[in-house]
N, C-alpha and C. Protein backbone atom coordinates (compact mmCIF):
# COMPACT_ATOMS: atom_id res chain seq x y z
N MET A 1 127.33 44.77 129.39
CA MET A 1 126.62 45.17 131.22
C MET A 1 126.71 43.96 131.58
N LEU A 2 126.24 42.64 131.81
CA LEU A 2 126.94 41.81 133.19
C LEU A 2 128.08 41.79 133.13
N ILE A 3 129.23 42.10 132.20
CA ILE A 3 130.37 41.86 132.41
C ILE A 3 131.08 43.49 133.22
N SER A 4 130.41 44.54 132.98
CA SER A 4 130.81 46.04 133.70
C SER A 4 130.08 45.63 134.94
N ALA A 5 129.08 45.18 135.37
CA ALA A 5 128.51 44.98 136.43
C ALA A 5 129.13 44.17 137.21
N ILE A 6 129.76 43.25 137.02
CA ILE A 6 131.14 42.58 137.73
C ILE A 6 132.54 43.14 138.12
N ALA A 7 133.10 43.81 137.27
CA ALA A 7 133.88 44.61 137.03
C ALA A 7 133.47 46.00 138.03
N ALA A 8 132.65 46.48 138.53
CA ALA A 8 132.42 47.70 139.27
C ALA A 8 131.96 46.78 140.55
N SER A 9 131.51 45.90 140.86
CA SER A 9 131.60 45.39 142.11
C SER A 9 133.24 44.30 142.48
N LEU A 10 133.37 44.43 141.75
CA LEU A 10 135.17 43.98 142.26
C LEU A 10 135.52 45.10 142.55
N VAL A 11 135.34 45.99 141.94
CA VAL A 11 136.30 47.06 142.17
C VAL A 11 136.19 48.14 143.47
N CYS A 12 134.39 47.42 143.86
CA CYS A 12 134.11 47.97 145.18
C CYS A 12 133.73 47.44 146.17
N GLY A 13 134.55 45.96 146.41
CA GLY A 13 135.12 45.31 147.15
C GLY A 13 133.47 44.09 147.19
N GLN A 14 132.74 43.79 146.40
CA GLN A 14 131.42 43.39 146.71
C GLN A 14 132.11 41.58 147.03
N GLN A 15 130.79 40.94 148.01
CA GLN A 15 131.51 39.70 148.17
C GLN A 15 130.79 38.64 146.51
N ASP A 16 129.83 39.13 145.82
CA ASP A 16 129.09 38.37 145.40
C ASP A 16 129.11 39.28 143.71
N PRO A 17 129.95 39.16 142.84
CA PRO A 17 129.93 40.41 141.80
C PRO A 17 128.49 39.85 141.05
N LEU A 18 127.99 38.92 141.51
CA LEU A 18 126.52 39.21 140.62
C LEU A 18 125.51 38.86 141.35
N ALA A 19 125.53 39.54 142.54
CA ALA A 19 124.38 39.69 143.41
C ALA A 19 122.84 40.76 143.02
N GLU A 20 123.52 41.61 142.08
CA GLU A 20 122.55 42.61 141.98
C GLU A 20 121.61 42.22 140.82
N TYR A 21 122.44 41.23 139.98
CA TYR A 21 122.21 40.66 138.91
C TYR A 21 121.02 39.42 139.35
N LYS A 22 121.76 38.84 140.40
CA LYS A 22 120.20 37.72 141.12
C LYS A 22 119.17 38.01 141.16
N ALA A 23 119.44 39.08 141.86
CA ALA A 23 118.35 39.83 142.97
C ALA A 23 117.15 39.99 141.49
N LYS A 24 117.54 40.14 140.28
CA LYS A 24 116.56 40.39 139.54
C LYS A 24 116.17 39.46 139.04
N LEU A 25 116.38 38.11 138.77
CA LEU A 25 116.10 36.90 138.25
C LEU A 25 114.52 36.75 138.84
N ILE A 26 113.88 36.45 137.98
CA ILE A 26 112.20 35.50 137.98
C ILE A 26 112.65 34.26 138.58
N PRO A 27 113.05 33.80 139.82
CA PRO A 27 112.50 32.23 139.99
C PRO A 27 112.37 31.34 139.42
N ILE A 28 112.51 30.43 138.91
CA ILE A 28 111.62 29.02 138.57
C ILE A 28 110.66 28.85 138.97
N GLY A 29 109.52 28.63 138.64
CA GLY A 29 107.76 28.27 139.07
C GLY A 29 106.67 29.27 139.55
N LYS A 30 107.93 30.67 139.43
CA LYS A 30 107.19 32.30 139.12
C LYS A 30 106.21 32.57 138.33
N PRO A 31 105.52 33.20 138.29
CA PRO A 31 104.67 33.62 137.21
C PRO A 31 105.14 34.91 137.19
N LEU A 32 105.27 35.61 135.67
CA LEU A 32 105.85 36.07 134.58
C LEU A 32 105.32 37.27 135.18
N PRO A 33 105.77 38.33 135.32
CA PRO A 33 104.80 39.41 134.70
C PRO A 33 104.33 40.17 133.20
N GLY A 34 102.99 40.09 133.21
CA GLY A 34 102.71 40.39 131.57
C GLY A 34 103.41 41.77 130.87
N PHE A 35 103.59 41.38 129.62
CA PHE A 35 104.14 42.48 128.69
C PHE A 35 103.73 41.83 127.39
N THR A 36 103.69 42.56 126.76
CA THR A 36 103.57 42.93 124.92
C THR A 36 104.49 42.71 124.07
N LEU A 37 104.47 42.06 123.11
CA LEU A 37 106.01 42.30 122.49
C LEU A 37 105.58 42.67 120.78
N LYS A 38 106.29 43.36 120.75
CA LYS A 38 106.02 43.81 118.85
C LYS A 38 106.32 42.62 117.76
N LEU A 39 105.47 42.16 117.13
CA LEU A 39 105.74 40.81 116.19
C LEU A 39 106.66 41.44 114.94
N ALA A 40 107.53 41.09 114.51
CA ALA A 40 108.37 41.34 112.92
C ALA A 40 107.41 41.40 111.64
N LYS A 41 106.49 40.65 111.70
CA LYS A 41 105.62 40.76 110.53
C LYS A 41 104.20 42.01 111.07
N GLY A 42 104.48 42.65 112.17
CA GLY A 42 103.13 43.51 111.97
C GLY A 42 102.03 42.75 113.25
N GLY A 43 101.78 43.62 113.97
CA GLY A 43 101.01 43.22 114.99
C GLY A 43 102.01 42.80 116.18
N SER A 44 100.81 42.50 117.02
CA SER A 44 101.74 42.37 119.08
C SER A 44 101.04 41.29 119.53
N LEU A 45 101.92 40.69 120.29
CA LEU A 45 101.53 39.35 121.18
C LEU A 45 101.74 39.44 122.69
N SER A 46 101.17 38.81 122.95
CA SER A 46 100.79 39.49 124.76
C SER A 46 100.99 37.83 125.42
N LEU A 47 102.14 37.91 126.33
CA LEU A 47 102.50 36.79 127.46
C LEU A 47 101.42 35.75 127.10
N SER A 48 100.15 36.57 127.86
CA SER A 48 98.66 35.72 128.21
C SER A 48 97.89 35.09 126.84
N GLN A 49 98.42 35.47 125.62
CA GLN A 49 97.90 35.07 124.55
C GLN A 49 98.72 33.95 124.21
N ALA A 50 100.03 33.60 124.30
CA ALA A 50 101.00 33.01 124.40
C ALA A 50 100.58 31.77 125.13
N ILE A 51 100.14 31.77 126.53
CA ILE A 51 99.99 30.98 126.78
C ILE A 51 99.11 30.41 126.93
N LYS A 52 98.18 31.16 126.28
CA LYS A 52 96.23 30.54 126.62
C LYS A 52 96.47 29.06 126.24
N GLY A 53 95.66 28.28 127.53
CA GLY A 53 95.52 26.89 126.53
C GLY A 53 97.02 26.17 126.39
N ARG A 54 98.00 26.61 127.16
CA ARG A 54 98.99 25.75 127.03
C ARG A 54 100.14 25.13 128.09
N LYS A 55 100.27 24.02 128.35
CA LYS A 55 101.41 24.00 129.78
C LYS A 55 102.35 24.79 129.95
N ALA A 56 103.30 24.90 129.10
CA ALA A 56 103.94 25.74 128.65
C ALA A 56 105.00 26.11 127.83
N THR A 57 105.19 27.86 127.81
CA THR A 57 105.94 28.52 126.88
C THR A 57 107.61 28.48 127.06
N LEU A 58 108.05 28.86 126.14
CA LEU A 58 109.46 28.81 125.50
C LEU A 58 109.23 30.51 125.01
N VAL A 59 110.12 31.53 126.03
CA VAL A 59 110.31 31.93 125.17
C VAL A 59 111.66 32.91 125.17
N ASN A 60 111.94 33.28 123.81
CA ASN A 60 113.32 33.10 123.52
C ASN A 60 113.46 34.53 122.80
N PHE A 61 114.43 35.31 123.58
CA PHE A 61 114.41 37.05 122.71
C PHE A 61 115.46 37.25 122.07
N TRP A 62 115.49 37.59 120.80
CA TRP A 62 116.17 38.04 119.77
C TRP A 62 116.23 39.15 119.19
N PHE A 63 117.40 39.86 118.69
CA PHE A 63 117.42 40.86 117.68
C PHE A 63 116.58 40.84 116.57
N TYR A 64 116.04 41.39 116.41
CA TYR A 64 115.53 41.53 114.63
C TYR A 64 115.18 42.77 114.02
N GLY A 65 116.13 43.29 113.47
CA GLY A 65 116.94 44.59 112.54
C GLY A 65 117.16 44.79 111.41
């Protein structure tokens, strides 16, 4: 998806091919919007549950299929 966005912007003559991608990034230090993920073993986990009582939380997205 990122490669197709770069290619499309180059064809259209955009100055920064990653401008649209960068505009969607959440800046460091800004709070993330809340979300809930399904767990592989059933159930779910919300971001608010994961960060409760912690100074930092690493969110690592990967495919489980």
